[in-house]
Amino acid sequence: MRNTYPYPSGESKIKWISTEWLSEHINDKDLMILDIQPNVHDYIMGHLPNAIYLNEGVLRSSVNGLPAMYVPPESIEPILSRCGLNPNVPVIVYSATGNYSKCTAGLGDGLEQTMMAYSLIRFGHNHVYILDGGLEKWKSEGHELTKIFPKWKLSTFKVDVRREFFIEYDEFKKIKDNDNVILFDARPFAVYEEGGLWIKKGHIPGAFSLPWRSLMTNENAKLLKSDAELKEIVGKFNITADKTLLIYCGTGREATNEFLFFKFYLGHDKVRIYEGSFTEWSYHPDNPSVIGKNPR
């Protein structure tokens, strides 16, 4: 259990909130709520009071044949504006497993929350709250849902891409093997070791396996483990303040969980996400990959 919510205290573009905190503040006038459930029918069947629906699918599209690359600022600005988002007004993001619409194939896996949270600050939002435990924890505690659609005013959201949060292919390839860099693969270990959907198998040379799901409780993929458990997990790696952490996964989605965790939950200053991830890496025929449990 975290000591205080929102967590961490002080200035932070990303904070985690508890269901208890949310129940006390859900009607605050200076607070917005985004429902990121995997299917709009999940939202229609039940959502948090005052929550606006936004599907994470609007965030990415193909570029030069590469799928799942971020859309340009001019594409996302009108969508965020239509949702009434203001970069200086705190917004809560939450999701659920998609039980109403029987979502499968990874939808409702819990990553909607971190994917949207990362994307919002990437595009210039300044105050994003993640509901620790998501809608499942909220419902399990007997809190109310609604089918009423809220009304809100349109805004003018001006995107300001924070390029310091991510690293692009050319620079990634240049620095990933530096002594002051630790490279993490956030995919499941079986995929890291020898599996996956890509044209190449295994992982990027030099990468350590740190599955995103290992940070979350067994029962709830949207609920962080205890601080003691998290400390034990990351304590296996020699992470010091001078190290730059590079995080990748399959398409850049799983990596958002670890990017936010390291940068904002633990407060590590030097963290960047390789958004192109293994999809972009394996796209280049000359790039090697490693099959097996070891980084190299």
Protein backbone atom coordinates (compact mmCIF):
# COMPACT_ATOMS: atom_id res chain seq x y z
CA MET A 1 0.00 0.00 0.00
CA ARG A 2 1.34 3.40 -0.96
CA ASN A 3 1.68 5.93 1.87
CA THR A 4 -0.17 8.78 0.19
CA TYR A 5 -2.30 9.34 -2.88
CA PRO A 6 -1.92 10.67 -5.46
CA TYR A 7 1.45 8.93 -5.55
CA PRO A 8 4.17 10.15 -5.81
CA SER A 9 3.72 13.40 -3.92
CA GLY A 10 5.09 16.64 -5.32
CA GLU A 11 5.47 17.53 -8.98
CA SER A 12 4.98 14.61 -11.34
CA LYS A 13 3.27 14.33 -14.71
CA ILE A 14 2.13 10.79 -13.83
CA LYS A 15 0.62 9.80 -10.51
CA TRP A 16 -1.19 6.72 -9.23
CA ILE A 17 -4.44 7.02 -7.31
CA SER A 18 -6.34 4.50 -5.21
CA THR A 19 -10.00 3.62 -5.47
CA GLU A 20 -10.45 5.13 -2.02
CA TRP A 21 -9.00 8.45 -3.15
CA LEU A 22 -11.14 8.41 -6.28
CA SER A 23 -14.34 7.76 -4.33
CA GLU A 24 -13.66 10.93 -2.34
CA HIS A 25 -12.79 13.09 -5.36
CA ILE A 26 -14.88 11.70 -8.22
CA ASN A 27 -17.11 14.79 -8.34
CA ASP A 28 -14.31 17.33 -8.17
CA LYS A 29 -14.87 20.08 -10.73
CA ASP A 30 -11.18 20.33 -11.61
CA LEU A 31 -10.84 16.65 -12.51
CA MET A 32 -11.55 14.76 -15.76
CA ILE A 33 -11.98 11.00 -16.23
CA LEU A 34 -11.17 8.94 -19.32
CA ASP A 35 -12.57 5.45 -19.78
CA ILE A 36 -10.15 3.38 -21.89
CA GLN A 37 -12.03 0.09 -21.85
CA PRO A 38 -11.16 -2.06 -24.89
CA ASN A 39 -14.55 -1.80 -26.57
CA VAL A 40 -17.09 1.01 -26.62
CA HIS A 41 -19.78 -1.51 -25.62
CA ASP A 42 -17.97 -2.04 -22.33
CA TYR A 43 -18.25 1.69 -21.70
CA ILE A 44 -21.91 1.76 -22.72
CA MET A 45 -22.76 -1.07 -20.34
CA GLY A 46 -21.11 0.61 -17.38
CA HIS A 47 -18.48 3.23 -16.58
CA LEU A 48 -17.39 5.56 -13.81
CA PRO A 49 -19.61 8.59 -13.25
CA ASN A 50 -18.51 11.54 -15.44
CA ALA A 51 -16.16 9.37 -17.51
CA ILE A 52 -15.60 10.14 -21.20
CA TYR A 53 -14.80 7.29 -23.56
CA LEU A 54 -11.60 7.27 -25.62
CA ASN A 55 -10.25 4.17 -27.37
CA GLU A 56 -6.46 3.76 -27.49
CA GLY A 57 -6.71 2.78 -31.17
CA VAL A 58 -6.73 6.44 -32.17
CA LEU A 59 -3.15 6.87 -31.00
CA ARG A 60 -1.27 4.94 -33.69
CA SER A 61 -1.26 4.08 -37.39
CA SER A 62 1.09 2.73 -40.06
CA VAL A 63 4.06 4.74 -41.31
CA ASN A 64 6.10 3.60 -44.33
CA GLY A 65 4.80 0.08 -43.84
CA LEU A 66 5.55 -0.07 -40.11
CA PRO A 67 2.38 -0.67 -38.07
CA ALA A 68 1.59 0.82 -34.67
CA MET A 69 3.56 4.06 -35.02
CA TYR A 70 2.31 7.21 -33.30
CA VAL A 71 0.06 9.49 -35.30
CA PRO A 72 1.32 13.03 -35.99
CA PRO A 73 0.29 15.98 -33.77
CA GLU A 74 -2.15 17.35 -36.34
CA SER A 75 -4.05 14.04 -36.24
CA ILE A 76 -4.41 13.69 -32.48
CA GLU A 77 -5.06 17.35 -31.59
CA PRO A 78 -8.72 17.41 -32.72
CA ILE A 79 -9.45 14.10 -30.97
CA LEU A 80 -8.07 15.27 -27.62
CA SER A 81 -9.88 18.58 -28.08
CA ARG A 82 -13.19 16.85 -28.79
CA CYS A 83 -12.77 15.00 -25.49
CA GLY A 84 -12.45 18.36 -23.76
CA LEU A 85 -8.98 17.63 -22.43
CA ASN A 86 -6.93 20.45 -20.98
CA PRO A 87 -3.21 19.73 -20.45
CA ASN A 88 -3.31 21.56 -17.11
CA VAL A 89 -6.43 19.88 -15.71
CA PRO A 90 -5.76 16.49 -14.07
CA VAL A 91 -7.24 13.53 -15.94
CA ILE A 92 -7.78 10.02 -14.59
CA VAL A 93 -7.36 7.06 -16.93
CA TYR A 94 -8.77 3.62 -16.19
CA SER A 95 -9.70 0.43 -18.00
CA ALA A 96 -11.14 -3.04 -17.45
CA THR A 97 -10.86 -6.51 -18.91
CA GLY A 98 -13.75 -6.06 -21.33
CA ASN A 99 -16.05 -8.69 -19.83
CA TYR A 100 -19.18 -7.15 -21.31
CA SER A 101 -17.99 -7.49 -24.89
CA LYS A 102 -16.00 -10.70 -24.30
CA CYS A 103 -12.80 -9.12 -25.62
CA THR A 104 -9.94 -11.47 -26.45
CA ALA A 105 -6.53 -11.46 -28.17
CA GLY A 106 -4.87 -9.16 -25.66
CA LEU A 107 -7.65 -6.60 -25.41
CA GLY A 108 -8.42 -5.76 -21.82
CA ASP A 109 -4.99 -6.92 -20.70
CA GLY A 110 -4.51 -3.91 -18.43
CA LEU A 111 -2.12 -2.01 -20.66
CA GLU A 112 -4.80 0.39 -21.89
CA GLN A 113 -4.20 2.44 -18.75
CA THR A 114 -0.45 2.88 -19.13
CA MET A 115 -0.62 3.18 -22.93
CA MET A 116 -3.06 6.08 -22.71
CA ALA A 117 -1.31 7.68 -19.74
CA TYR A 118 2.05 7.62 -21.50
CA SER A 119 0.54 8.85 -24.76
CA LEU A 120 -1.16 11.79 -23.09
CA ILE A 121 2.02 13.08 -21.46
CA ARG A 122 3.92 12.31 -24.67
CA PHE A 123 1.56 14.62 -26.51
CA GLY A 124 1.83 17.35 -23.89
CA HIS A 125 -0.53 16.67 -20.99
CA ASN A 126 0.87 17.68 -17.62
CA HIS A 127 -1.26 15.85 -15.04
CA VAL A 128 -2.34 12.25 -15.61
CA TYR A 129 -3.61 9.94 -12.86
CA ILE A 130 -3.68 6.14 -13.23
CA LEU A 131 -6.33 4.25 -11.26
CA ASP A 132 -4.33 1.55 -9.50
CA GLY A 133 -6.38 -1.61 -9.89
CA GLY A 134 -8.62 -0.23 -12.62
CA LEU A 135 -12.36 -0.74 -12.87
CA GLU A 136 -12.21 -4.27 -11.43
CA LYS A 137 -10.97 -3.00 -8.07
CA TRP A 138 -13.53 -0.20 -8.12
CA LYS A 139 -16.39 -2.65 -8.73
CA SER A 140 -15.10 -5.23 -6.24
CA GLU A 141 -15.38 -2.62 -3.48
CA GLY A 142 -19.01 -1.92 -4.29
CA HIS A 143 -18.57 1.49 -5.88
CA GLU A 144 -21.14 2.60 -8.40
CA LEU A 145 -21.10 2.49 -12.19
CA THR A 146 -23.39 4.40 -14.51
CA LYS A 147 -24.76 4.19 -18.05
CA ILE A 148 -25.28 7.96 -18.27
CA PHE A 149 -23.08 9.77 -20.81
CA PRO A 150 -21.64 12.98 -19.40
CA LYS A 151 -21.66 16.36 -21.09
CA TRP A 152 -18.51 18.43 -21.40
CA LYS A 153 -17.16 21.42 -23.27
CA LEU A 154 -14.83 21.12 -26.23
CA SER A 155 -11.31 22.37 -25.68
CA THR A 156 -8.33 23.42 -27.75
CA PHE A 157 -5.58 20.93 -26.96
CA LYS A 158 -2.29 22.03 -28.49
CA VAL A 159 0.04 19.05 -28.81
CA ASP A 160 3.61 19.55 -27.64
CA VAL A 161 5.46 16.28 -28.30
CA ARG A 162 7.91 15.48 -25.53
CA ARG A 163 10.71 13.91 -27.52
CA GLU A 164 12.85 13.46 -24.43
CA PHE A 165 10.57 10.58 -23.38
CA PHE A 166 11.38 8.33 -26.32
CA ILE A 167 14.27 7.25 -28.50
CA GLU A 168 14.12 6.68 -32.24
CA TYR A 169 15.71 3.88 -34.23
CA ASP A 170 19.01 5.46 -35.33
CA GLU A 171 19.93 6.73 -31.88
CA PHE A 172 18.71 3.54 -30.23
CA LYS A 173 20.97 1.42 -32.40
CA LYS A 174 23.88 3.74 -31.71
CA ILE A 175 23.73 3.83 -27.90
CA LYS A 176 21.97 0.62 -26.79
CA ASP A 177 25.27 -1.20 -26.11
CA ASN A 178 26.93 1.64 -24.18
CA ASP A 179 28.21 0.79 -20.71
CA ASN A 180 25.91 3.36 -19.10
CA VAL A 181 22.78 1.88 -20.72
CA ILE A 182 20.52 -0.90 -19.41
CA LEU A 183 18.14 -2.32 -22.00
CA PHE A 184 14.91 -3.99 -20.87
CA ASP A 185 12.52 -6.18 -22.87
CA ALA A 186 9.04 -5.85 -21.37
CA ARG A 187 7.45 -8.78 -23.25
CA PRO A 188 6.62 -12.14 -21.60
CA PHE A 189 9.73 -14.23 -20.95
CA ALA A 190 8.69 -16.98 -23.38
CA VAL A 191 8.57 -14.40 -26.17
CA TYR A 192 11.88 -12.87 -25.08
CA GLU A 193 13.51 -16.30 -25.05
CA GLU A 194 12.48 -17.76 -28.38
CA GLY A 195 8.92 -17.02 -29.39
CA GLY A 196 6.87 -14.20 -30.77
CA LEU A 197 4.97 -13.19 -33.86
CA TRP A 198 7.76 -11.36 -35.63
CA ILE A 199 9.89 -12.31 -38.61
CA LYS A 200 12.82 -12.66 -36.20
CA LYS A 201 12.71 -14.68 -32.98
CA GLY A 202 14.09 -13.90 -29.56
CA HIS A 203 15.18 -10.45 -28.38
CA ILE A 204 17.43 -7.52 -29.20
CA PRO A 205 21.06 -8.33 -28.30
CA GLY A 206 21.97 -7.05 -24.85
CA ALA A 207 18.42 -6.82 -23.53
CA PHE A 208 17.44 -8.09 -20.10
CA SER A 209 14.05 -9.71 -19.67
CA LEU A 210 11.69 -7.77 -17.40
CA PRO A 211 8.11 -8.78 -18.27
CA TRP A 212 5.69 -5.93 -17.60
CA ARG A 213 3.25 -8.34 -16.00
CA SER A 214 5.81 -9.21 -13.30
CA LEU A 215 5.26 -5.75 -11.76
CA MET A 216 1.54 -6.33 -11.31
CA THR A 217 -0.37 -8.58 -8.90
CA ASN A 218 -1.34 -12.06 -10.06
CA GLU A 219 -5.03 -11.32 -9.59
CA ASN A 220 -5.19 -7.90 -11.25
CA ALA A 221 -3.03 -6.80 -14.19
CA LYS A 222 -3.83 -3.15 -13.43
CA LEU A 223 -2.75 -3.27 -9.78
CA LEU A 224 0.90 -2.74 -8.85
CA LYS A 225 2.53 -5.18 -6.46
CA SER A 226 3.65 -4.03 -3.03
CA ASP A 227 6.69 -1.80 -2.74
CA ALA A 228 8.63 -4.63 -1.11
CA GLU A 229 7.88 -6.95 -4.03
CA LEU A 230 8.73 -4.28 -6.60
CA LYS A 231 12.00 -3.51 -4.84
CA GLU A 232 12.95 -7.17 -4.96
CA ILE A 233 12.19 -7.40 -8.68
CA VAL A 234 14.20 -4.36 -9.78
CA GLY A 235 16.92 -5.08 -7.21
CA LYS A 236 18.16 -7.90 -9.44
CA PHE A 237 19.55 -5.32 -11.84
CA ASN A 238 22.39 -2.90 -11.21
CA ILE A 239 20.29 0.23 -11.66
CA THR A 240 22.19 3.28 -10.48
CA ALA A 241 21.41 6.96 -10.97
CA ASP A 242 23.94 7.33 -13.78
CA LYS A 243 22.38 4.56 -15.89
CA THR A 244 20.09 5.28 -18.83
CA LEU A 245 17.23 2.79 -18.99
CA LEU A 246 15.88 1.95 -22.44
CA ILE A 247 12.60 0.05 -22.52
CA TYR A 248 11.15 -1.82 -25.49
CA CYS A 249 8.62 -4.56 -26.17
CA GLY A 250 6.72 -5.73 -29.26
CA THR A 251 5.10 -2.55 -30.54
CA GLY A 252 5.89 -0.09 -27.74
CA ARG A 253 2.72 -0.76 -25.77
CA GLU A 254 3.92 -3.14 -23.04
CA ALA A 255 6.95 -0.90 -22.53
CA THR A 256 4.73 2.00 -21.39
CA ASN A 257 4.05 0.15 -18.14
CA GLU A 258 7.74 -0.01 -17.29
CA PHE A 259 8.60 3.44 -18.60
CA LEU A 260 6.03 5.04 -16.30
CA PHE A 261 7.04 2.79 -13.41
CA PHE A 262 10.76 3.59 -13.61
CA LYS A 263 10.45 7.27 -14.47
CA PHE A 264 7.57 8.40 -12.29
CA TYR A 265 6.92 5.73 -9.66
CA LEU A 266 10.59 5.15 -8.82
CA GLY A 267 11.72 8.60 -9.99
CA HIS A 268 14.62 7.40 -12.13
CA ASP A 269 15.67 10.42 -14.17
CA LYS A 270 17.16 8.73 -17.23
CA VAL A 271 14.46 6.55 -18.81
CA ARG A 272 13.43 6.41 -22.46
CA ILE A 273 11.07 4.20 -24.39
CA TYR A 274 11.94 2.73 -27.77
CA GLU A 275 8.53 3.17 -29.34
CA GLY A 276 9.34 1.25 -32.53
CA SER A 277 10.39 -1.69 -30.35
CA PHE A 278 10.94 -5.20 -31.73
CA THR A 279 8.56 -4.56 -34.62
CA GLU A 280 10.85 -1.87 -36.00
CA TRP A 281 14.05 -3.67 -35.01
CA SER A 282 13.09 -6.88 -36.80
CA TYR A 283 11.89 -4.89 -39.83
CA HIS A 284 15.53 -4.27 -40.76
CA PRO A 285 16.98 -7.50 -42.25
CA ASP A 286 20.53 -6.88 -41.03
CA ASN A 287 19.60 -6.49 -37.36
CA PRO A 288 20.46 -9.58 -35.28
CA SER A 289 18.37 -11.12 -32.55
CA VAL A 290 19.26 -13.50 -29.72
CA ILE A 291 17.37 -16.70 -28.98
CA GLY A 292 17.64 -17.97 -25.42
CA LYS A 293 17.42 -16.81 -21.82
CA ASN A 294 20.62 -14.72 -21.80
CA PRO A 295 20.92 -11.12 -23.05
CA ARG A 296 23.62 -12.09 -25.58
